[in-house]
Amino acid sequence: MVTAQAIPAADIAREIGNDDDLKRKSKVVAFDDLPGVPEGTSGKVFLVAGWDKWIRYHVQFDNGVHIGSLNREHLAPAKKYDEYRTRREEALESGVFDEPEVDETAAADGGGGEAVSGGAVVNGVEVPAHLIERAKAARERLGG
């Protein structure tokens, strides 16, 4: 099982649905450990700054610590904290965040993969055959 510290907080928040916008004066709980604020500490949003997908929250926590410019994934609405914590544990136990198994032959040949319509898959990206041929010709031309 993967630990929550090994997974980016944004990925966890997206997986469990903890990614809706908060409003000013919302009661929140720290969803993970923050500087001076342990997970589970209650607080209140007193400023929402930013635009579009770059929203930051300024929160006054009940332990007296004020943190500005927090990303949404570090906070949970107070009413849904227990639900989100349970969802996070279930997601971690289910293996959703586990690394895919590495194919030994792909690792041995430098990360290349199966041929796809004359090309290859490298690091999950399809490389067309004509680009592979172009690179091969350039290496031959340059003596490499």
Protein backbone atom coordinates (compact mmCIF):
# COMPACT_ATOMS: atom_id res chain seq x y z
CA MET A 1 0.00 0.00 0.00
CA VAL A 2 1.22 3.49 -0.87
CA THR A 3 1.27 6.15 1.87
CA ALA A 4 -0.50 9.48 1.52
CA GLN A 5 2.85 11.32 1.80
CA ALA A 6 4.12 9.59 -1.35
CA ILE A 7 1.19 10.82 -3.48
CA PRO A 8 0.76 14.46 -4.60
CA ALA A 9 -2.03 16.05 -2.54
CA ALA A 10 -3.76 17.29 -5.71
CA ASP A 11 -4.04 13.72 -7.05
CA ILE A 12 -5.61 12.52 -3.81
CA ALA A 13 -8.04 15.46 -3.71
CA ARG A 14 -9.11 14.87 -7.31
CA GLU A 15 -9.61 11.13 -6.72
CA ILE A 16 -11.82 11.54 -3.64
CA GLY A 17 -13.76 14.60 -4.87
CA ASN A 18 -12.24 17.11 -2.44
CA ASP A 19 -11.71 19.78 -5.08
CA ASP A 20 -14.72 22.12 -5.04
CA ASP A 21 -14.18 25.83 -4.38
CA LEU A 22 -14.41 27.23 -0.86
CA LYS A 23 -15.92 30.58 0.02
CA ARG A 24 -14.82 33.24 2.44
CA LYS A 25 -15.81 32.38 6.05
CA SER A 26 -15.97 28.65 5.22
CA LYS A 27 -15.13 26.39 8.14
CA VAL A 28 -12.31 24.06 7.11
CA VAL A 29 -9.97 21.44 8.51
CA ALA A 30 -6.32 20.90 7.56
CA PHE A 31 -6.39 17.80 5.34
CA ASP A 32 -2.69 17.13 5.79
CA ASP A 33 0.13 18.38 8.01
CA LEU A 34 1.03 22.00 7.34
CA PRO A 35 3.78 24.12 8.91
CA GLY A 36 2.63 24.67 12.51
CA VAL A 37 -0.74 23.04 11.83
CA PRO A 38 -1.24 19.29 12.31
CA GLU A 39 -3.79 17.44 10.18
CA GLY A 40 -7.28 17.69 11.62
CA THR A 41 -6.90 21.25 12.97
CA SER A 42 -10.01 23.38 12.38
CA GLY A 43 -9.88 26.84 10.89
CA LYS A 44 -11.75 29.45 8.93
CA VAL A 45 -11.10 30.86 5.45
CA PHE A 46 -10.82 34.62 5.70
CA LEU A 47 -9.53 35.46 2.23
CA VAL A 48 -9.91 33.84 -1.18
CA ALA A 49 -7.44 35.11 -3.78
CA GLY A 50 -6.61 34.23 -7.36
CA TRP A 51 -8.58 33.46 -10.49
CA ASP A 52 -9.76 30.58 -12.66
CA LYS A 53 -7.85 27.44 -11.63
CA TRP A 54 -5.25 29.31 -9.54
CA ILE A 55 -7.17 29.96 -6.32
CA ARG A 56 -5.39 30.39 -2.98
CA TYR A 57 -6.90 30.45 0.49
CA HIS A 58 -5.79 32.34 3.59
CA VAL A 59 -6.85 30.45 6.70
CA GLN A 60 -6.80 31.30 10.40
CA PHE A 61 -6.50 28.00 12.26
CA ASP A 62 -7.87 27.40 15.76
CA ASN A 63 -4.36 26.83 17.13
CA GLY A 64 -3.53 30.49 16.35
CA VAL A 65 -1.53 29.88 13.16
CA HIS A 66 -2.40 31.90 10.07
CA ILE A 67 -1.36 30.48 6.72
CA GLY A 68 -1.83 32.33 3.47
CA SER A 69 -1.66 31.08 -0.10
CA LEU A 70 -2.87 27.53 0.57
CA ASN A 71 -3.88 25.29 -2.30
CA ARG A 72 -7.35 23.79 -2.09
CA GLU A 73 -6.12 20.20 -1.73
CA HIS A 74 -4.66 20.97 1.72
CA LEU A 75 -8.09 21.84 3.12
CA ALA A 76 -11.33 19.97 3.63
CA PRO A 77 -14.73 21.44 4.49
CA ALA A 78 -15.31 20.84 8.21
CA LYS A 79 -18.58 18.99 7.59
CA LYS A 80 -16.98 16.59 5.10
CA TYR A 81 -13.58 16.05 6.76
CA ASP A 82 -14.39 12.59 8.19
CA GLU A 83 -15.94 11.45 4.90
CA TYR A 84 -12.93 12.62 2.86
CA ARG A 85 -10.49 11.05 5.30
CA THR A 86 -12.29 7.71 4.94
CA ARG A 87 -12.33 8.05 1.14
CA ARG A 88 -8.59 8.80 1.14
CA GLU A 89 -7.84 5.66 3.17
CA GLU A 90 -10.05 3.54 0.90
CA ALA A 91 -8.36 4.94 -2.23
CA LEU A 92 -4.89 4.25 -0.81
CA GLU A 93 -5.85 0.69 0.14
CA SER A 94 -7.55 -0.01 -3.21
CA GLY A 95 -4.30 0.47 -5.12
CA VAL A 96 -5.51 3.39 -7.25
CA PHE A 97 -2.19 5.17 -6.70
CA ASP A 98 0.08 2.12 -7.06
CA GLU A 99 2.79 2.34 -9.69
CA PRO A 100 2.12 0.25 -12.79
CA GLU A 101 4.35 -2.78 -13.08
CA VAL A 102 7.38 -2.21 -15.32
CA ASP A 103 7.86 -4.53 -18.27
CA GLU A 104 11.38 -5.98 -18.00
CA THR A 105 11.99 -5.85 -21.76
CA ALA A 106 10.89 -2.21 -21.96
CA ALA A 107 13.23 -1.28 -19.11
CA ALA A 108 16.12 -3.15 -20.78
CA ASP A 109 15.76 -1.37 -24.13
CA GLY A 110 15.80 2.14 -22.68
CA GLY A 111 12.12 2.65 -22.00
CA GLY A 112 10.87 1.87 -25.50
CA GLY A 113 7.69 -0.06 -25.86
CA GLU A 114 5.61 -1.98 -28.34
CA ALA A 115 5.52 -0.91 -31.94
CA VAL A 116 2.41 1.08 -32.78
CA SER A 117 1.53 1.36 -36.46
CA GLY A 118 5.19 1.32 -37.42
CA GLY A 119 6.21 3.60 -34.56
CA ALA A 120 6.93 2.95 -30.91
CA VAL A 121 5.59 3.93 -27.51
CA VAL A 122 8.22 5.68 -25.38
CA ASN A 123 7.29 6.73 -21.83
CA GLY A 124 3.62 6.39 -22.73
CA VAL A 125 3.85 8.63 -25.81
CA GLU A 126 3.43 7.30 -29.33
CA VAL A 127 6.38 8.21 -31.57
CA PRO A 128 5.52 7.97 -35.29
CA ALA A 129 7.68 5.74 -37.49
CA HIS A 130 8.78 8.61 -39.75
CA LEU A 131 10.34 10.43 -36.77
CA ILE A 132 12.19 7.30 -35.71
CA GLU A 133 13.54 6.88 -39.26
CA ARG A 134 14.52 10.57 -39.40
CA ALA A 135 16.48 10.26 -36.13
CA LYS A 136 18.16 7.05 -37.36
CA ALA A 137 19.22 8.75 -40.61
CA ALA A 138 20.59 11.76 -38.72
CA ARG A 139 22.66 9.53 -36.42
CA GLU A 140 24.12 7.71 -39.46
CA ARG A 141 24.85 11.02 -41.20
CA LEU A 142 26.65 12.36 -38.13
CA GLY A 143 28.58 9.16 -37.61
CA GLY A 144 26.88 8.21 -34.33
